Amino acid sequence: MMIEGELVRLRALEPQDAERLHPWTYDPEVGRWMVNEHPLSLAQVRKRCEERPLNTYGKVVLGIEAKADRKLIGVIDLRDAEPELGEATLDVYIGDAEYRGGGYGTEALRLMCRYGFTAMRLHQITLWVVAENEAARHVYRKIGFVEEGRHRESFIDADGERHDMILMSMLKGELK
C-alpha cells in the first residue's frame, strides 16, 4: 500500500529500513518527547523490521518517504483502532533532521488522517502530545486537531523531569 502526496509517500516498512531507523533511536531530538525503549543494536532493529507483523485494521504502521529522493524520513501509525467505535490513536515522528520543518510531517499527517477517515471508516482520531512540544501542537491544530484534555505530569523525559500530556482529537469532517 502506498499513499502519495506532493512531498511524501506513505508506504509499508521493509526489513532494509532498519539501517535508516536505527540511528533515530539515539537522536536526542527524535526521542525528546517520545517514550523510548532501552538502547537497541542494529541487529535487534533489523530483526524487529524482519518480524514486523502485518498491517491490520488494529494497527497500520507506515514509513514516511520523501518523494523527491525516495528517502525514508519518518514513521507514522494508526493504532488501537476499534471498528465498533470508529476510533484510533495516531503517532508520528520525522527522524531525519534534514526534513523537519519543511511540511513533510504536516503532509504525512493529512494523508494518514485522510486514510483513517476514508479507508478505515474512522469517526475520530486521537493523539497524545507533551504540553511543551509546541511545534507539534501547532501542526496538529493546523490540520484540524483540537485539544480535549490534559493528563498532568504523566510523561517523564530523559532527565527525569515530569511533563503534562495533552489529549487532542479530530472528528471525521474536521481535517483541514
N, C-alpha and C. Protein backbone atom coordinates (compact mmCIF):
# COMPACT_ATOMS: atom_id res chain seq x y z
N MET A 1 0.85 -1.17 0.00
CA MET A 1 0.00 0.00 0.00
C MET A 1 0.90 1.24 0.00
N MET A 2 0.59 2.18 -0.88
CA MET A 2 1.28 3.46 -0.90
C MET A 2 0.25 4.56 -0.95
N ILE A 3 0.46 5.59 -0.15
CA ILE A 3 -0.41 6.75 -0.12
C ILE A 3 0.48 7.93 -0.49
N GLU A 4 0.12 8.66 -1.54
CA GLU A 4 1.02 9.69 -2.05
C GLU A 4 0.44 11.09 -1.95
N GLY A 5 1.33 12.03 -1.61
CA GLY A 5 1.03 13.44 -1.64
C GLY A 5 2.04 14.12 -2.54
N GLU A 6 2.19 15.43 -2.40
CA GLU A 6 3.16 16.17 -3.21
C GLU A 6 4.59 15.98 -2.71
N LEU A 7 4.76 15.95 -1.37
CA LEU A 7 6.09 15.86 -0.78
C LEU A 7 6.48 14.46 -0.34
N VAL A 8 5.49 13.70 0.12
CA VAL A 8 5.80 12.39 0.72
C VAL A 8 4.91 11.30 0.15
N ARG A 9 5.38 10.08 0.36
CA ARG A 9 4.54 8.91 0.15
C ARG A 9 4.63 8.09 1.44
N LEU A 10 3.51 7.53 1.81
CA LEU A 10 3.46 6.64 2.96
C LEU A 10 3.45 5.23 2.42
N ARG A 11 4.33 4.40 2.96
CA ARG A 11 4.46 3.03 2.45
C ARG A 11 4.76 2.09 3.60
N ALA A 12 4.50 0.81 3.35
CA ALA A 12 4.82 -0.21 4.35
C ALA A 12 6.32 -0.21 4.61
N LEU A 13 6.70 -0.47 5.84
CA LEU A 13 8.12 -0.56 6.19
C LEU A 13 8.69 -1.88 5.69
N GLU A 14 9.94 -1.84 5.28
CA GLU A 14 10.64 -3.01 4.76
C GLU A 14 11.79 -3.37 5.70
N PRO A 15 12.26 -4.63 5.69
CA PRO A 15 13.39 -5.01 6.54
C PRO A 15 14.63 -4.14 6.32
N GLN A 16 14.89 -3.72 5.08
CA GLN A 16 16.07 -2.90 4.81
C GLN A 16 15.96 -1.49 5.38
N ASP A 17 14.79 -1.11 5.90
CA ASP A 17 14.64 0.21 6.52
C ASP A 17 15.35 0.29 7.87
N ALA A 18 15.77 -0.84 8.40
CA ALA A 18 16.44 -0.87 9.71
C ALA A 18 17.64 0.07 9.76
N GLU A 19 18.40 0.14 8.68
CA GLU A 19 19.60 0.99 8.66
C GLU A 19 19.25 2.46 8.81
N ARG A 20 18.07 2.88 8.33
CA ARG A 20 17.62 4.27 8.49
C ARG A 20 17.00 4.48 9.87
N LEU A 21 16.26 3.49 10.35
CA LEU A 21 15.56 3.63 11.63
C LEU A 21 16.51 3.62 12.82
N HIS A 22 17.52 2.79 12.77
CA HIS A 22 18.40 2.60 13.93
C HIS A 22 19.02 3.90 14.46
N PRO A 23 19.62 4.76 13.64
CA PRO A 23 20.23 5.98 14.19
C PRO A 23 19.23 6.92 14.86
N TRP A 24 17.98 6.88 14.42
CA TRP A 24 16.98 7.77 15.02
C TRP A 24 16.71 7.41 16.47
N THR A 25 16.94 6.15 16.84
CA THR A 25 16.69 5.75 18.24
C THR A 25 17.66 6.42 19.19
N TYR A 26 18.76 6.94 18.66
CA TYR A 26 19.77 7.60 19.50
C TYR A 26 19.80 9.11 19.30
N ASP A 27 18.95 9.64 18.43
CA ASP A 27 18.90 11.07 18.18
C ASP A 27 18.10 11.74 19.29
N PRO A 28 18.73 12.62 20.08
CA PRO A 28 18.02 13.24 21.20
C PRO A 28 16.81 14.08 20.76
N GLU A 29 16.86 14.66 19.57
CA GLU A 29 15.72 15.45 19.09
C GLU A 29 14.54 14.56 18.73
N VAL A 30 14.80 13.39 18.19
CA VAL A 30 13.72 12.46 17.85
C VAL A 30 13.09 11.93 19.14
N GLY A 31 13.91 11.53 20.07
CA GLY A 31 13.42 10.89 21.28
C GLY A 31 13.00 11.82 22.39
N ARG A 32 13.23 13.12 22.23
CA ARG A 32 12.97 14.08 23.31
C ARG A 32 11.57 13.97 23.88
N TRP A 33 10.56 13.87 23.03
CA TRP A 33 9.18 13.85 23.51
C TRP A 33 8.51 12.50 23.26
N MET A 34 9.32 11.44 23.18
CA MET A 34 8.76 10.10 22.97
C MET A 34 9.10 9.19 24.15
N VAL A 35 8.28 8.20 24.35
CA VAL A 35 8.60 7.15 25.32
C VAL A 35 9.57 6.22 24.63
N ASN A 36 10.79 6.16 25.15
CA ASN A 36 11.83 5.38 24.49
C ASN A 36 12.12 4.08 25.22
N GLU A 37 12.56 3.12 24.43
CA GLU A 37 12.95 1.84 24.98
C GLU A 37 14.41 1.92 25.42
N HIS A 38 14.88 0.84 25.94
CA HIS A 38 16.30 0.72 26.21
C HIS A 38 17.03 0.66 24.87
N PRO A 39 18.30 1.00 24.83
CA PRO A 39 19.04 1.00 23.55
C PRO A 39 18.96 -0.35 22.84
N LEU A 40 18.82 -0.26 21.50
CA LEU A 40 18.76 -1.45 20.67
C LEU A 40 19.93 -1.45 19.69
N SER A 41 20.49 -2.61 19.44
CA SER A 41 21.55 -2.72 18.44
C SER A 41 20.93 -2.70 17.04
N LEU A 42 21.77 -2.48 16.04
CA LEU A 42 21.29 -2.53 14.66
C LEU A 42 20.71 -3.91 14.36
N ALA A 43 21.35 -4.96 14.87
CA ALA A 43 20.84 -6.32 14.64
C ALA A 43 19.44 -6.49 15.25
N GLN A 44 19.21 -5.90 16.41
CA GLN A 44 17.89 -6.01 17.03
C GLN A 44 16.84 -5.23 16.23
N VAL A 45 17.22 -4.07 15.72
CA VAL A 45 16.29 -3.28 14.90
C VAL A 45 16.00 -4.03 13.60
N ARG A 46 17.04 -4.63 13.00
CA ARG A 46 16.84 -5.43 11.78
C ARG A 46 15.85 -6.57 12.04
N LYS A 47 16.06 -7.28 13.15
CA LYS A 47 15.19 -8.40 13.49
C LYS A 47 13.75 -7.93 13.69
N ARG A 48 13.60 -6.80 14.36
CA ARG A 48 12.26 -6.25 14.58
C ARG A 48 11.60 -5.90 13.24
N CYS A 49 12.38 -5.32 12.32
CA CYS A 49 11.85 -4.98 11.00
C CYS A 49 11.48 -6.23 10.21
N GLU A 50 12.30 -7.26 10.32
CA GLU A 50 12.02 -8.51 9.60
C GLU A 50 10.80 -9.22 10.16
N GLU A 51 10.55 -9.09 11.45
CA GLU A 51 9.46 -9.79 12.10
C GLU A 51 8.23 -8.92 12.32
N ARG A 52 8.25 -7.72 11.73
CA ARG A 52 7.13 -6.79 11.90
C ARG A 52 5.83 -7.47 11.49
N PRO A 53 4.81 -7.39 12.34
CA PRO A 53 3.54 -8.01 11.98
C PRO A 53 2.90 -7.29 10.78
N LEU A 54 2.01 -7.98 10.13
CA LEU A 54 1.28 -7.38 9.02
C LEU A 54 0.47 -6.19 9.50
N ASN A 55 0.32 -5.19 8.65
CA ASN A 55 -0.59 -4.10 8.95
C ASN A 55 -2.00 -4.65 8.94
N THR A 56 -2.77 -4.27 9.95
CA THR A 56 -4.15 -4.71 10.07
C THR A 56 -5.00 -3.50 10.44
N TYR A 57 -6.30 -3.70 10.52
CA TYR A 57 -7.18 -2.61 10.93
C TYR A 57 -6.74 -2.08 12.30
N GLY A 58 -6.34 -2.96 13.19
CA GLY A 58 -5.98 -2.56 14.55
C GLY A 58 -4.71 -1.74 14.64
N LYS A 59 -3.79 -1.94 13.69
CA LYS A 59 -2.52 -1.19 13.71
C LYS A 59 -1.94 -1.12 12.31
N VAL A 60 -1.83 0.10 11.80
CA VAL A 60 -1.24 0.37 10.50
C VAL A 60 0.00 1.22 10.74
N VAL A 61 1.18 0.66 10.45
CA VAL A 61 2.45 1.38 10.61
C VAL A 61 3.04 1.60 9.22
N LEU A 62 3.33 2.86 8.89
CA LEU A 62 3.85 3.19 7.57
C LEU A 62 5.10 4.06 7.69
N GLY A 63 6.00 3.87 6.75
CA GLY A 63 7.16 4.74 6.65
C GLY A 63 6.78 6.00 5.89
N ILE A 64 7.39 7.11 6.28
CA ILE A 64 7.22 8.37 5.56
C ILE A 64 8.44 8.52 4.67
N GLU A 65 8.22 8.57 3.38
CA GLU A 65 9.31 8.64 2.42
C GLU A 65 9.22 9.96 1.65
N ALA A 66 10.33 10.70 1.56
CA ALA A 66 10.37 11.92 0.76
C ALA A 66 10.28 11.51 -0.71
N LYS A 67 9.33 12.08 -1.44
CA LYS A 67 9.14 11.68 -2.84
C LYS A 67 10.33 12.08 -3.71
N ALA A 68 10.93 13.23 -3.43
CA ALA A 68 11.99 13.75 -4.30
C ALA A 68 13.18 12.80 -4.40
N ASP A 69 13.58 12.20 -3.27
CA ASP A 69 14.76 11.33 -3.29
C ASP A 69 14.49 9.91 -2.80
N ARG A 70 13.20 9.59 -2.56
CA ARG A 70 12.78 8.25 -2.12
C ARG A 70 13.51 7.81 -0.84
N LYS A 71 13.76 8.75 0.03
CA LYS A 71 14.48 8.51 1.28
C LYS A 71 13.48 8.39 2.43
N LEU A 72 13.61 7.33 3.24
CA LEU A 72 12.77 7.17 4.42
C LEU A 72 13.14 8.27 5.42
N ILE A 73 12.14 9.06 5.85
CA ILE A 73 12.43 10.20 6.74
C ILE A 73 11.69 10.12 8.07
N GLY A 74 10.74 9.18 8.20
CA GLY A 74 9.99 9.09 9.45
C GLY A 74 9.03 7.92 9.44
N VAL A 75 8.22 7.87 10.49
CA VAL A 75 7.26 6.78 10.68
C VAL A 75 5.96 7.39 11.20
N ILE A 76 4.85 6.82 10.74
CA ILE A 76 3.52 7.26 11.20
C ILE A 76 2.66 6.01 11.39
N ASP A 77 1.78 6.04 12.36
CA ASP A 77 0.88 4.89 12.53
C ASP A 77 -0.47 5.30 13.07
N LEU A 78 -1.44 4.46 12.81
CA LEU A 78 -2.74 4.48 13.47
C LEU A 78 -2.83 3.17 14.22
N ARG A 79 -3.04 3.26 15.51
CA ARG A 79 -3.03 2.05 16.33
C ARG A 79 -4.26 2.01 17.24
N ASP A 80 -4.44 0.85 17.84
CA ASP A 80 -5.56 0.63 18.76
C ASP A 80 -6.90 0.98 18.11
N ALA A 81 -7.00 0.75 16.81
CA ALA A 81 -8.24 1.05 16.09
C ALA A 81 -9.34 0.09 16.53
N GLU A 82 -10.50 0.64 16.77
CA GLU A 82 -11.65 -0.15 17.19
C GLU A 82 -12.80 0.09 16.22
N PRO A 83 -13.11 -0.92 15.39
CA PRO A 83 -14.16 -0.71 14.39
C PRO A 83 -15.53 -0.41 15.01
N GLU A 84 -15.81 -0.96 16.18
CA GLU A 84 -17.11 -0.74 16.82
C GLU A 84 -17.29 0.73 17.20
N LEU A 85 -16.18 1.39 17.56
CA LEU A 85 -16.24 2.79 17.97
C LEU A 85 -15.82 3.73 16.85
N GLY A 86 -15.08 3.21 15.86
CA GLY A 86 -14.58 4.06 14.79
C GLY A 86 -13.51 5.02 15.27
N GLU A 87 -12.66 4.56 16.17
CA GLU A 87 -11.61 5.41 16.75
C GLU A 87 -10.26 4.74 16.64
N ALA A 88 -9.20 5.56 16.55
CA ALA A 88 -7.82 5.08 16.55
C ALA A 88 -6.93 6.18 17.12
N THR A 89 -5.72 5.78 17.52
CA THR A 89 -4.73 6.71 18.05
C THR A 89 -3.60 6.84 17.04
N LEU A 90 -3.13 8.06 16.85
CA LEU A 90 -2.10 8.36 15.86
C LEU A 90 -0.77 8.66 16.55
N ASP A 91 0.32 8.18 15.96
CA ASP A 91 1.69 8.51 16.38
C ASP A 91 2.47 8.89 15.13
N VAL A 92 3.41 9.83 15.26
CA VAL A 92 4.22 10.24 14.11
C VAL A 92 5.55 10.79 14.60
N TYR A 93 6.58 10.60 13.81
CA TYR A 93 7.84 11.33 14.02
C TYR A 93 8.60 11.43 12.71
N ILE A 94 9.30 12.54 12.55
CA ILE A 94 10.23 12.73 11.44
C ILE A 94 11.61 12.49 12.03
N GLY A 95 12.24 11.40 11.64
CA GLY A 95 13.53 11.02 12.19
C GLY A 95 14.70 11.73 11.55
N ASP A 96 14.58 12.08 10.29
CA ASP A 96 15.68 12.71 9.55
C ASP A 96 15.60 14.22 9.75
N ALA A 97 16.59 14.79 10.45
CA ALA A 97 16.59 16.21 10.80
C ALA A 97 16.51 17.13 9.58
N GLU A 98 17.05 16.69 8.48
CA GLU A 98 17.04 17.49 7.25
C GLU A 98 15.62 17.80 6.76
N TYR A 99 14.66 16.98 7.15
CA TYR A 99 13.30 17.12 6.65
C TYR A 99 12.33 17.67 7.70
N ARG A 100 12.81 18.07 8.85
CA ARG A 100 11.94 18.66 9.87
C ARG A 100 11.68 20.13 9.53
N GLY A 101 10.41 20.51 9.66
CA GLY A 101 10.06 21.90 9.43
C GLY A 101 9.81 22.26 7.97
N GLY A 102 9.85 21.30 7.07
CA GLY A 102 9.64 21.58 5.65
C GLY A 102 8.28 21.19 5.13
N GLY A 103 7.34 20.87 6.00
CA GLY A 103 6.00 20.49 5.57
C GLY A 103 5.81 19.00 5.35
N TYR A 104 6.87 18.22 5.50
CA TYR A 104 6.80 16.78 5.28
C TYR A 104 5.90 16.10 6.32
N GLY A 105 6.11 16.46 7.58
CA GLY A 105 5.29 15.88 8.65
C GLY A 105 3.84 16.29 8.55
N THR A 106 3.60 17.56 8.21
CA THR A 106 2.23 18.05 8.06
C THR A 106 1.50 17.26 6.97
N GLU A 107 2.16 17.09 5.82
CA GLU A 107 1.52 16.34 4.74
C GLU A 107 1.31 14.88 5.13
N ALA A 108 2.28 14.28 5.79
CA ALA A 108 2.13 12.89 6.22
C ALA A 108 0.93 12.74 7.15
N LEU A 109 0.75 13.69 8.06
CA LEU A 109 -0.39 13.65 8.98
C LEU A 109 -1.70 13.75 8.22
N ARG A 110 -1.77 14.68 7.28
CA ARG A 110 -3.01 14.82 6.49
C ARG A 110 -3.32 13.54 5.73
N LEU A 111 -2.31 12.97 5.09
CA LEU A 111 -2.51 11.75 4.32
C LEU A 111 -2.99 10.61 5.21
N MET A 112 -2.36 10.45 6.37
CA MET A 112 -2.73 9.34 7.26
C MET A 112 -4.12 9.55 7.83
N CYS A 113 -4.45 10.78 8.20
CA CYS A 113 -5.80 11.04 8.72
C CYS A 113 -6.84 10.80 7.63
N ARG A 114 -6.57 11.25 6.41
CA ARG A 114 -7.50 11.01 5.30
C ARG A 114 -7.69 9.50 5.10
N TYR A 115 -6.57 8.76 5.15
CA TYR A 115 -6.66 7.29 5.03
C TYR A 115 -7.53 6.72 6.15
N GLY A 116 -7.31 7.18 7.38
CA GLY A 116 -8.10 6.69 8.50
C GLY A 116 -9.58 6.96 8.35
N PHE A 117 -9.91 8.17 7.92
CA PHE A 117 -11.33 8.54 7.79
C PHE A 117 -12.00 7.88 6.58
N THR A 118 -11.26 7.64 5.51
CA THR A 118 -11.88 7.05 4.32
C THR A 118 -11.73 5.53 4.30
N ALA A 119 -10.51 5.03 4.16
CA ALA A 119 -10.29 3.58 4.01
C ALA A 119 -10.68 2.80 5.26
N MET A 120 -10.40 3.38 6.44
CA MET A 120 -10.70 2.66 7.68
C MET A 120 -12.08 3.02 8.25
N ARG A 121 -12.71 4.02 7.67
CA ARG A 121 -14.03 4.48 8.10
C ARG A 121 -14.05 4.89 9.57
N LEU A 122 -12.97 5.53 10.00
CA LEU A 122 -12.91 6.03 11.38
C LEU A 122 -13.80 7.26 11.52
N HIS A 123 -14.27 7.48 12.74
CA HIS A 123 -15.03 8.69 13.06
C HIS A 123 -14.14 9.68 13.83
N GLN A 124 -13.18 9.15 14.60
CA GLN A 124 -12.33 10.01 15.43
C GLN A 124 -10.91 9.46 15.46
N ILE A 125 -9.94 10.38 15.37
CA ILE A 125 -8.52 10.05 15.53
C ILE A 125 -8.01 10.88 16.70
N THR A 126 -7.35 10.21 17.64
CA THR A 126 -6.80 10.91 18.80
C THR A 126 -5.28 10.79 18.81
N LEU A 127 -4.65 11.65 19.59
CA LEU A 127 -3.21 11.57 19.81
C LEU A 127 -2.89 12.21 21.15
N TRP A 128 -1.73 11.87 21.66
CA TRP A 128 -1.20 12.48 22.88
C TRP A 128 0.08 13.20 22.53
N VAL A 129 0.28 14.39 23.08
CA VAL A 129 1.47 15.18 22.82
C VAL A 129 1.91 15.85 24.12
N VAL A 130 3.23 15.92 24.33
CA VAL A 130 3.76 16.59 25.52
C VAL A 130 3.42 18.07 25.43
N ALA A 131 2.94 18.65 26.51
CA ALA A 131 2.48 20.04 26.52
C ALA A 131 3.55 21.00 26.01
N GLU A 132 4.80 20.77 26.34
CA GLU A 132 5.88 21.68 25.94
C GLU A 132 6.29 21.52 24.48
N ASN A 133 5.78 20.52 23.78
CA ASN A 133 6.11 20.31 22.38
C ASN A 133 5.20 21.19 21.51
N GLU A 134 5.44 22.50 21.59
CA GLU A 134 4.58 23.47 20.91
C GLU A 134 4.64 23.34 19.40
N ALA A 135 5.80 22.98 18.85
CA ALA A 135 5.90 22.83 17.40
C ALA A 135 4.93 21.75 16.90
N ALA A 136 4.88 20.61 17.58
CA ALA A 136 3.96 19.54 17.19
C ALA A 136 2.51 19.98 17.41
N ARG A 137 2.24 20.61 18.53
CA ARG A 137 0.86 21.05 18.82
C ARG A 137 0.37 22.02 17.74
N HIS A 138 1.26 22.89 17.29
CA HIS A 138 0.90 23.85 16.23
C HIS A 138 0.49 23.12 14.95
N VAL A 139 1.29 22.12 14.55
CA VAL A 139 0.98 21.36 13.33
C VAL A 139 -0.34 20.61 13.50
N TYR A 140 -0.54 19.99 14.65
CA TYR A 140 -1.78 19.25 14.88
C TYR A 140 -2.99 20.18 14.78
N ARG A 141 -2.91 21.36 15.41
CA ARG A 141 -4.02 22.32 15.34
C ARG A 141 -4.25 22.78 13.90
N LYS A 142 -3.15 22.99 13.17
CA LYS A 142 -3.22 23.48 11.79
C LYS A 142 -4.02 22.54 10.89
N ILE A 143 -3.93 21.23 11.13
CA ILE A 143 -4.66 20.30 10.26
C ILE A 143 -6.02 19.91 10.82
N GLY A 144 -6.39 20.43 11.99
CA GLY A 144 -7.74 20.21 12.49
C GLY A 144 -7.90 19.54 13.83
N PHE A 145 -6.81 19.14 14.47
CA PHE A 145 -6.94 18.54 15.81
C PHE A 145 -7.29 19.63 16.82
N VAL A 146 -8.10 19.27 17.81
CA VAL A 146 -8.44 20.18 18.90
C VAL A 146 -8.00 19.54 20.22
N GLU A 147 -7.65 20.41 21.16
CA GLU A 147 -7.23 19.94 22.48
C GLU A 147 -8.47 19.58 23.29
N GLU A 148 -8.43 18.40 23.90
CA GLU A 148 -9.57 17.92 24.67
C GLU A 148 -9.30 17.80 26.16
N GLY A 149 -8.04 17.59 26.53
CA GLY A 149 -7.77 17.40 27.95
C GLY A 149 -6.29 17.35 28.24
N ARG A 150 -5.98 17.27 29.52
CA ARG A 150 -4.61 17.28 30.00
C ARG A 150 -4.43 16.16 31.03
N HIS A 151 -3.38 15.37 30.85
CA HIS A 151 -3.01 14.34 31.81
C HIS A 151 -1.77 14.86 32.52
N ARG A 152 -1.93 15.29 33.72
CA ARG A 152 -0.88 16.01 34.44
C ARG A 152 0.31 15.13 34.81
N GLU A 153 1.50 15.66 34.54
CA GLU A 153 2.79 15.05 34.92
C GLU A 153 2.87 13.56 34.56
N SER A 154 2.38 13.20 33.41
CA SER A 154 2.33 11.78 33.03
C SER A 154 3.46 11.36 32.09
N PHE A 155 4.29 12.30 31.65
CA PHE A 155 5.42 11.98 30.78
C PHE A 155 6.71 12.29 31.51
N ILE A 156 7.65 11.36 31.48
CA ILE A 156 8.95 11.56 32.12
C ILE A 156 9.99 11.63 31.02
N ASP A 157 10.72 12.77 30.95
CA ASP A 157 11.73 12.92 29.90
C ASP A 157 13.04 12.23 30.30
N ALA A 158 14.04 12.32 29.43
CA ALA A 158 15.31 11.62 29.65
C ALA A 158 16.04 12.10 30.90
N ASP A 159 15.74 13.32 31.35
CA ASP A 159 16.37 13.87 32.56
C ASP A 159 15.56 13.59 33.82
N GLY A 160 14.47 12.84 33.69
CA GLY A 160 13.65 12.50 34.84
C GLY A 160 12.62 13.57 35.18
N GLU A 161 12.50 14.61 34.37
CA GLU A 161 11.51 15.67 34.60
C GLU A 161 10.13 15.20 34.13
N ARG A 162 9.12 15.60 34.87
CA ARG A 162 7.75 15.24 34.51
C ARG A 162 7.09 16.37 33.74
N HIS A 163 6.25 15.98 32.76
CA HIS A 163 5.55 16.94 31.92
C HIS A 163 4.11 16.50 31.74
N ASP A 164 3.23 17.47 31.52
CA ASP A 164 1.84 17.17 31.22
C ASP A 164 1.73 16.67 29.78
N MET A 165 0.75 15.82 29.55
CA MET A 165 0.41 15.35 28.21
C MET A 165 -0.94 15.95 27.83
N ILE A 166 -1.05 16.36 26.56
CA ILE A 166 -2.29 16.94 26.05
C ILE A 166 -2.95 15.90 25.14
N LEU A 167 -4.25 15.66 25.37
CA LEU A 167 -5.05 14.79 24.51
C LEU A 167 -5.65 15.68 23.42
N MET A 168 -5.43 15.30 22.17
CA MET A 168 -6.02 16.03 21.04
C MET A 168 -6.79 15.03 20.19
N SER A 169 -7.81 15.54 19.50
CA SER A 169 -8.59 14.65 18.63
C SER A 169 -9.11 15.42 17.43
N MET A 170 -9.49 14.64 16.44
CA MET A 170 -10.11 15.18 15.23
C MET A 170 -11.25 14.24 14.85
N LEU A 171 -12.40 14.81 14.51
CA LEU A 171 -13.53 14.03 14.04
C LEU A 171 -13.55 14.04 12.52
N LYS A 172 -14.19 13.02 11.96
CA LYS A 172 -14.35 12.96 10.50
C LYS A 172 -15.01 14.27 10.06
N GLY A 173 -14.49 14.88 9.03
CA GLY A 173 -15.02 16.14 8.53
C GLY A 173 -14.28 17.36 9.05
N GLU A 174 -13.37 17.19 10.03
CA GLU A 174 -12.63 18.32 10.58
C GLU A 174 -11.23 18.48 9.99
N LEU A 175 -10.82 17.54 9.16
CA LEU A 175 -9.49 17.60 8.57
C LEU A 175 -9.37 18.81 7.66
N LYS A 176 -8.32 19.61 7.90
CA LYS A 176 -8.08 20.82 7.08
C LYS A 176 -6.97 20.56 6.09
